[in-house]
Amino acid sequence: MSPMIVVARDEKFRSGLNDKNGDDLALGLAIGNIHTVFFIGFRQRNGRILNSQEMDELFRITFNKIPQLKEAIFQCG
């Protein structure tokens, strides 16, 4: 399953984004792209995928930065 789909289905992110009906598409895509690039780079540098503990940490970091990400994305558009 692609990282973008994992993020889109994650209830923590849906509630954090306050995205009840999927309208916040730009933010969801941006977060999915950030995670995809991180996952690919991590696998290339370390020769393995993130374990569940590392994945939880990445989600926690991203979740804590959602207000800043949201503001930056919508400043661009």
PDB file of N, CA and C in Angstrom:
ATOM      1  N   MET A   1       0.848  -1.171   0.000  1.00  0.00           N
ATOM      2  CA  MET A   1       0.000   0.000   0.000  1.00  0.00           C
ATOM      3  C   MET A   1       0.891   1.231   0.000  1.00  0.00           C
ATOM      4  N   SER A   2       0.545   2.219  -0.803  1.00  0.00           N
ATOM      5  CA  SER A   2       1.391   3.405  -0.904  1.00  0.00           C
ATOM      6  C   SER A   2       1.291   4.241   0.368  1.00  0.00           C
ATOM      7  N   PRO A   3       2.366   4.956   0.725  1.00  0.00           N
ATOM      8  CA  PRO A   3       2.337   5.806   1.920  1.00  0.00           C
ATOM      9  C   PRO A   3       1.213   6.835   1.874  1.00  0.00           C
ATOM     10  N   MET A   4       0.897   7.341   0.681  1.00  0.00           N
ATOM     11  CA  MET A   4      -0.162   8.332   0.560  1.00  0.00           C
ATOM     12  C   MET A   4      -1.505   7.750   1.011  1.00  0.00           C
ATOM     13  N   ILE A   5      -1.761   6.491   0.643  1.00  0.00           N
ATOM     14  CA  ILE A   5      -3.013   5.845   1.031  1.00  0.00           C
ATOM     15  C   ILE A   5      -3.016   5.578   2.527  1.00  0.00           C
ATOM     16  N   VAL A   6      -1.888   5.177   3.076  1.00  0.00           N
ATOM     17  CA  VAL A   6      -1.797   4.925   4.520  1.00  0.00           C
ATOM     18  C   VAL A   6      -2.147   6.196   5.282  1.00  0.00           C
ATOM     19  N   VAL A   7      -1.579   7.325   4.876  1.00  0.00           N
ATOM     20  CA  VAL A   7      -1.862   8.598   5.548  1.00  0.00           C
ATOM     21  C   VAL A   7      -3.320   8.983   5.367  1.00  0.00           C
ATOM     22  N   ALA A   8      -3.845   8.841   4.170  1.00  0.00           N
ATOM     23  CA  ALA A   8      -5.232   9.222   3.903  1.00  0.00           C
ATOM     24  C   ALA A   8      -6.215   8.422   4.743  1.00  0.00           C
ATOM     25  N   ARG A   9      -5.871   7.183   5.057  1.00  0.00           N
ATOM     26  CA  ARG A   9      -6.774   6.328   5.835  1.00  0.00           C
ATOM     27  C   ARG A   9      -6.541   6.426   7.338  1.00  0.00           C
ATOM     28  N   ASP A  10      -5.488   7.108   7.763  1.00  0.00           N
ATOM     29  CA  ASP A  10      -5.152   7.175   9.175  1.00  0.00           C
ATOM     30  C   ASP A  10      -6.111   8.115   9.908  1.00  0.00           C
ATOM     31  N   GLU A  11      -6.808   7.609  10.894  1.00  0.00           N
ATOM     32  CA  GLU A  11      -7.819   8.391  11.611  1.00  0.00           C
ATOM     33  C   GLU A  11      -7.216   9.565  12.372  1.00  0.00           C
ATOM     34  N   LYS A  12      -5.964   9.422  12.890  1.00  0.00           N
ATOM     35  CA  LYS A  12      -5.319  10.541  13.586  1.00  0.00           C
ATOM     36  C   LYS A  12      -5.186  11.739  12.652  1.00  0.00           C
ATOM     37  N   PHE A  13      -4.794  11.478  11.415  1.00  0.00           N
ATOM     38  CA  PHE A  13      -4.631  12.582  10.476  1.00  0.00           C
ATOM     39  C   PHE A  13      -5.968  13.152  10.050  1.00  0.00           C
ATOM     40  N   ARG A  14      -6.946  12.299   9.826  1.00  0.00           N
ATOM     41  CA  ARG A  14      -8.276  12.798   9.436  1.00  0.00           C
ATOM     42  C   ARG A  14      -8.840  13.715  10.515  1.00  0.00           C
ATOM     43  N   SER A  15      -8.698  13.319  11.780  1.00  0.00           N
ATOM     44  CA  SER A  15      -9.232  14.157  12.852  1.00  0.00           C
ATOM     45  C   SER A  15      -8.368  15.404  13.043  1.00  0.00           C
ATOM     46  N   GLY A  16      -7.060  15.263  12.903  1.00  0.00           N
ATOM     47  CA  GLY A  16      -6.169  16.413  13.035  1.00  0.00           C
ATOM     48  C   GLY A  16      -6.377  17.450  11.952  1.00  0.00           C
ATOM     49  N   LEU A  17      -6.679  16.982  10.771  1.00  0.00           N
ATOM     50  CA  LEU A  17      -6.957  17.881   9.664  1.00  0.00           C
ATOM     51  C   LEU A  17      -8.370  18.435   9.728  1.00  0.00           C
ATOM     52  N   ASN A  18      -9.180  17.859  10.601  1.00  0.00           N
ATOM     53  CA  ASN A  18     -10.597  18.174  10.676  1.00  0.00           C
ATOM     54  C   ASN A  18     -11.235  17.942   9.315  1.00  0.00           C
ATOM     55  N   ASP A  19     -10.837  16.869   8.682  1.00  0.00           N
ATOM     56  CA  ASP A  19     -11.254  16.544   7.321  1.00  0.00           C
ATOM     57  C   ASP A  19     -12.306  15.448   7.361  1.00  0.00           C
ATOM     58  N   LYS A  20     -13.540  15.851   7.580  1.00  0.00           N
ATOM     59  CA  LYS A  20     -14.621  14.882   7.733  1.00  0.00           C
ATOM     60  C   LYS A  20     -15.069  14.289   6.395  1.00  0.00           C
ATOM     61  N   ASN A  21     -14.994  15.076   5.333  1.00  0.00           N
ATOM     62  CA  ASN A  21     -15.518  14.589   4.060  1.00  0.00           C
ATOM     63  C   ASN A  21     -14.500  14.593   2.925  1.00  0.00           C
ATOM     64  N   GLY A  22     -13.220  14.749   3.239  1.00  0.00           N
ATOM     65  CA  GLY A  22     -12.188  14.666   2.212  1.00  0.00           C
ATOM     66  C   GLY A  22     -11.969  15.929   1.412  1.00  0.00           C
ATOM     67  N   ASP A  23     -12.498  17.067   1.868  1.00  0.00           N
ATOM     68  CA  ASP A  23     -12.342  18.317   1.117  1.00  0.00           C
ATOM     69  C   ASP A  23     -10.929  18.883   1.162  1.00  0.00           C
ATOM     70  N   ASP A  24     -10.164  18.523   2.161  1.00  0.00           N
ATOM     71  CA  ASP A  24      -8.827  19.086   2.332  1.00  0.00           C
ATOM     72  C   ASP A  24      -7.807  18.308   1.509  1.00  0.00           C
ATOM     73  N   LEU A  25      -8.074  18.184   0.237  1.00  0.00           N
ATOM     74  CA  LEU A  25      -7.279  17.352  -0.658  1.00  0.00           C
ATOM     75  C   LEU A  25      -5.842  17.838  -0.801  1.00  0.00           C
ATOM     76  N   ALA A  26      -5.631  19.134  -0.944  1.00  0.00           N
ATOM     77  CA  ALA A  26      -4.271  19.663  -1.141  1.00  0.00           C
ATOM     78  C   ALA A  26      -3.374  19.322   0.034  1.00  0.00           C
ATOM     79  N   LEU A  27      -3.876  19.483   1.229  1.00  0.00           N
ATOM     80  CA  LEU A  27      -3.074  19.180   2.408  1.00  0.00           C
ATOM     81  C   LEU A  27      -2.804  17.681   2.504  1.00  0.00           C
ATOM     82  N   GLY A  28      -3.792  16.882   2.247  1.00  0.00           N
ATOM     83  CA  GLY A  28      -3.614  15.431   2.278  1.00  0.00           C
ATOM     84  C   GLY A  28      -2.585  14.955   1.268  1.00  0.00           C
ATOM     85  N   LEU A  29      -2.649  15.505   0.062  1.00  0.00           N
ATOM     86  CA  LEU A  29      -1.677  15.139  -0.965  1.00  0.00           C
ATOM     87  C   LEU A  29      -0.266  15.590  -0.584  1.00  0.00           C
ATOM     88  N   ALA A  30      -0.152  16.786  -0.032  1.00  0.00           N
ATOM     89  CA  ALA A  30       1.164  17.289   0.364  1.00  0.00           C
ATOM     90  C   ALA A  30       1.768  16.414   1.455  1.00  0.00           C
ATOM     91  N   ILE A  31       0.982  16.062   2.457  1.00  0.00           N
ATOM     92  CA  ILE A  31       1.489  15.210   3.532  1.00  0.00           C
ATOM     93  C   ILE A  31       1.849  13.829   2.984  1.00  0.00           C
ATOM     94  N   GLY A  32       1.028  13.308   2.095  1.00  0.00           N
ATOM     95  CA  GLY A  32       1.336  12.022   1.471  1.00  0.00           C
ATOM     96  C   GLY A  32       2.633  12.074   0.681  1.00  0.00           C
ATOM     97  N   ASN A  33       2.846  13.173  -0.035  1.00  0.00           N
ATOM     98  CA  ASN A  33       4.092  13.326  -0.800  1.00  0.00           C
ATOM     99  C   ASN A  33       5.303  13.439   0.127  1.00  0.00           C
ATOM    100  N   ILE A  34       5.165  14.180   1.213  1.00  0.00           N
ATOM    101  CA  ILE A  34       6.256  14.313   2.180  1.00  0.00           C
ATOM    102  C   ILE A  34       6.635  12.940   2.716  1.00  0.00           C
ATOM    103  N   HIS A  35       5.629  12.156   3.103  1.00  0.00           N
ATOM    104  CA  HIS A  35       5.904  10.824   3.643  1.00  0.00           C
ATOM    105  C   HIS A  35       6.495   9.899   2.588  1.00  0.00           C
ATOM    106  N   THR A  36       5.994   9.964   1.365  1.00  0.00           N
ATOM    107  CA  THR A  36       6.509   9.111   0.292  1.00  0.00           C
ATOM    108  C   THR A  36       7.986   9.380   0.046  1.00  0.00           C
ATOM    109  N   VAL A  37       8.350  10.653  -0.060  1.00  0.00           N
ATOM    110  CA  VAL A  37       9.751  11.018  -0.285  1.00  0.00           C
ATOM    111  C   VAL A  37      10.608  10.557   0.900  1.00  0.00           C
ATOM    112  N   PHE A  38      10.097  10.728   2.109  1.00  0.00           N
ATOM    113  CA  PHE A  38      10.851  10.276   3.280  1.00  0.00           C
ATOM    114  C   PHE A  38      11.037   8.767   3.263  1.00  0.00           C
ATOM    115  N   PHE A  39       9.959   8.009   2.983  1.00  0.00           N
ATOM    116  CA  PHE A  39      10.045   6.546   2.959  1.00  0.00           C
ATOM    117  C   PHE A  39      11.049   6.064   1.917  1.00  0.00           C
ATOM    118  N   ILE A  40      11.002   6.647   0.730  1.00  0.00           N
ATOM    119  CA  ILE A  40      11.910   6.240  -0.344  1.00  0.00           C
ATOM    120  C   ILE A  40      13.355   6.562   0.027  1.00  0.00           C
ATOM    121  N   GLY A  41      13.588   7.772   0.533  1.00  0.00           N
ATOM    122  CA  GLY A  41      14.940   8.156   0.933  1.00  0.00           C
ATOM    123  C   GLY A  41      15.468   7.298   2.066  1.00  0.00           C
ATOM    124  N   PHE A  42      14.607   6.993   3.025  1.00  0.00           N
ATOM    125  CA  PHE A  42      15.019   6.149   4.144  1.00  0.00           C
ATOM    126  C   PHE A  42      15.414   4.767   3.650  1.00  0.00           C
ATOM    127  N   ARG A  43      14.605   4.193   2.767  1.00  0.00           N
ATOM    128  CA  ARG A  43      14.894   2.852   2.248  1.00  0.00           C
ATOM    129  C   ARG A  43      16.185   2.853   1.433  1.00  0.00           C
ATOM    130  N   GLN A  44      16.426   3.897   0.648  1.00  0.00           N
ATOM    131  CA  GLN A  44      17.650   3.964  -0.148  1.00  0.00           C
ATOM    132  C   GLN A  44      18.889   4.113   0.732  1.00  0.00           C
ATOM    133  N   ARG A  45      18.786   4.912   1.783  1.00  0.00           N
ATOM    134  CA  ARG A  45      19.945   5.135   2.663  1.00  0.00           C
ATOM    135  C   ARG A  45      20.200   3.974   3.610  1.00  0.00           C
ATOM    136  N   ASN A  46      19.130   3.330   4.087  1.00  0.00           N
ATOM    137  CA  ASN A  46      19.276   2.320   5.138  1.00  0.00           C
ATOM    138  C   ASN A  46      19.033   0.895   4.663  1.00  0.00           C
ATOM    139  N   GLY A  47      18.569   0.722   3.451  1.00  0.00           N
ATOM    140  CA  GLY A  47      18.344  -0.612   2.917  1.00  0.00           C
ATOM    141  C   GLY A  47      17.215  -1.378   3.588  1.00  0.00           C
ATOM    142  N   ARG A  48      16.319  -0.665   4.231  1.00  0.00           N
ATOM    143  CA  ARG A  48      15.169  -1.299   4.874  1.00  0.00           C
ATOM    144  C   ARG A  48      14.028  -0.298   4.975  1.00  0.00           C
ATOM    145  N   ILE A  49      12.851  -0.807   5.302  1.00  0.00           N
ATOM    146  CA  ILE A  49      11.709   0.086   5.492  1.00  0.00           C
ATOM    147  C   ILE A  49      11.590   0.448   6.969  1.00  0.00           C
ATOM    148  N   LEU A  50      10.801   1.461   7.257  1.00  0.00           N
ATOM    149  CA  LEU A  50      10.584   1.871   8.643  1.00  0.00           C
ATOM    150  C   LEU A  50       9.873   0.770   9.420  1.00  0.00           C
ATOM    151  N   ASN A  51      10.277   0.575  10.674  1.00  0.00           N
ATOM    152  CA  ASN A  51       9.532  -0.359  11.518  1.00  0.00           C
ATOM    153  C   ASN A  51       8.345   0.396  12.128  1.00  0.00           C
ATOM    154  N   SER A  52       7.500  -0.290  12.854  1.00  0.00           N
ATOM    155  CA  SER A  52       6.271   0.338  13.363  1.00  0.00           C
ATOM    156  C   SER A  52       6.564   1.477  14.338  1.00  0.00           C
ATOM    157  N   GLN A  53       7.601   1.347  15.134  1.00  0.00           N
ATOM    158  CA  GLN A  53       7.969   2.405  16.074  1.00  0.00           C
ATOM    159  C   GLN A  53       8.426   3.657  15.326  1.00  0.00           C
ATOM    160  N   GLU A  54       9.226   3.480  14.291  1.00  0.00           N
ATOM    161  CA  GLU A  54       9.691   4.614  13.482  1.00  0.00           C
ATOM    162  C   GLU A  54       8.541   5.251  12.726  1.00  0.00           C
ATOM    163  N   MET A  55       7.619   4.430  12.235  1.00  0.00           N
ATOM    164  CA  MET A  55       6.452   4.945  11.528  1.00  0.00           C
ATOM    165  C   MET A  55       5.592   5.791  12.470  1.00  0.00           C
ATOM    166  N   ASP A  56       5.381   5.309  13.696  1.00  0.00           N
ATOM    167  CA  ASP A  56       4.612   6.076  14.679  1.00  0.00           C
ATOM    168  C   ASP A  56       5.282   7.412  14.978  1.00  0.00           C
ATOM    169  N   GLU A  57       6.603   7.403  15.072  1.00  0.00           N
ATOM    170  CA  GLU A  57       7.332   8.649  15.340  1.00  0.00           C
ATOM    171  C   GLU A  57       7.184   9.632  14.179  1.00  0.00           C
ATOM    172  N   LEU A  58       7.283   9.143  12.958  1.00  0.00           N
ATOM    173  CA  LEU A  58       7.096  10.010  11.788  1.00  0.00           C
ATOM    174  C   LEU A  58       5.696  10.601  11.779  1.00  0.00           C
ATOM    175  N   PHE A  59       4.692   9.780  12.049  1.00  0.00           N
ATOM    176  CA  PHE A  59       3.316  10.279  12.084  1.00  0.00           C
ATOM    177  C   PHE A  59       3.146  11.324  13.195  1.00  0.00           C
ATOM    178  N   ARG A  60       3.758  11.076  14.354  1.00  0.00           N
ATOM    179  CA  ARG A  60       3.648  12.023  15.462  1.00  0.00           C
ATOM    180  C   ARG A  60       4.284  13.371  15.094  1.00  0.00           C
ATOM    181  N   ILE A  61       5.456  13.320  14.495  1.00  0.00           N
ATOM    182  CA  ILE A  61       6.138  14.556  14.086  1.00  0.00           C
ATOM    183  C   ILE A  61       5.299  15.306  13.066  1.00  0.00           C
ATOM    184  N   THR A  62       4.810  14.595  12.064  1.00  0.00           N
ATOM    185  CA  THR A  62       3.991  15.232  11.039  1.00  0.00           C
ATOM    186  C   THR A  62       2.717  15.808  11.643  1.00  0.00           C
ATOM    187  N   PHE A  63       2.066  15.033  12.500  1.00  0.00           N
ATOM    188  CA  PHE A  63       0.823  15.480  13.124  1.00  0.00           C
ATOM    189  C   PHE A  63       1.042  16.763  13.921  1.00  0.00           C
ATOM    190  N   ASN A  64       2.165  16.852  14.627  1.00  0.00           N
ATOM    191  CA  ASN A  64       2.460  18.054  15.411  1.00  0.00           C
ATOM    192  C   ASN A  64       2.744  19.271  14.537  1.00  0.00           C
ATOM    193  N   LYS A  65       3.120  19.043  13.293  1.00  0.00           N
ATOM    194  CA  LYS A  65       3.447  20.141  12.371  1.00  0.00           C
ATOM    195  C   LYS A  65       2.296  20.481  11.410  1.00  0.00           C
ATOM    196  N   ILE A  66       1.145  19.845  11.563  1.00  0.00           N
ATOM    197  CA  ILE A  66       0.034  20.076  10.637  1.00  0.00           C
ATOM    198  C   ILE A  66      -0.347  21.552  10.531  1.00  0.00           C
ATOM    199  N   PRO A  67      -0.471  22.304  11.634  1.00  0.00           N
ATOM    200  CA  PRO A  67      -0.843  23.723  11.468  1.00  0.00           C
ATOM    201  C   PRO A  67       0.144  24.495  10.592  1.00  0.00           C
ATOM    202  N   GLN A  68       1.456  24.254  10.789  1.00  0.00           N
ATOM    203  CA  GLN A  68       2.453  24.949   9.976  1.00  0.00           C
ATOM    204  C   GLN A  68       2.404  24.487   8.522  1.00  0.00           C
ATOM    205  N   LEU A  69       2.232  23.186   8.315  1.00  0.00           N
ATOM    206  CA  LEU A  69       2.125  22.658   6.947  1.00  0.00           C
ATOM    207  C   LEU A  69       0.919  23.241   6.244  1.00  0.00           C
ATOM    208  N   LYS A  70      -0.195  23.252   6.929  1.00  0.00           N
ATOM    209  CA  LYS A  70      -1.436  23.771   6.348  1.00  0.00           C
ATOM    210  C   LYS A  70      -1.278  25.226   5.954  1.00  0.00           C
ATOM    211  N   GLU A  71      -0.716  26.021   6.849  1.00  0.00           N
ATOM    212  CA  GLU A  71      -0.515  27.442   6.567  1.00  0.00           C
ATOM    213  C   GLU A  71       0.413  27.640   5.373  1.00  0.00           C
ATOM    214  N   ALA A  72       1.525  26.900   5.324  1.00  0.00           N
ATOM    215  CA  ALA A  72       2.479  27.033   4.226  1.00  0.00           C
ATOM    216  C   ALA A  72       1.849  26.637   2.885  1.00  0.00           C
ATOM    217  N   ILE A  73       1.085  25.575   2.879  1.00  0.00           N
ATOM    218  CA  ILE A  73       0.457  25.115   1.635  1.00  0.00           C
ATOM    219  C   ILE A  73      -0.542  26.132   1.124  1.00  0.00           C
ATOM    220  N   PHE A  74      -1.371  26.654   2.011  1.00  0.00           N
ATOM    221  CA  PHE A  74      -2.401  27.578   1.569  1.00  0.00           C
ATOM    222  C   PHE A  74      -1.864  28.975   1.294  1.00  0.00           C
ATOM    223  N   GLN A  75      -0.666  29.304   1.788  1.00  0.00           N
ATOM    224  CA  GLN A  75      -0.001  30.545   1.397  1.00  0.00           C
ATOM    225  C   GLN A  75       0.467  30.481  -0.047  1.00  0.00           C
ATOM    226  N   CYS A  76       0.780  29.255  -0.501  1.00  0.00           N
ATOM    227  CA  CYS A  76       1.249  29.072  -1.887  1.00  0.00           C
ATOM    228  C   CYS A  76       0.113  29.195  -2.902  1.00  0.00           C
ATOM    229  N   GLY A  77      -1.082  28.893  -2.509  1.00  0.00           N
ATOM    230  CA  GLY A  77      -2.196  28.841  -3.458  1.00  0.00           C
ATOM    231  C   GLY A  77      -3.083  29.978  -3.311  1.00  0.00           C
TER     232      GLY A  77
END
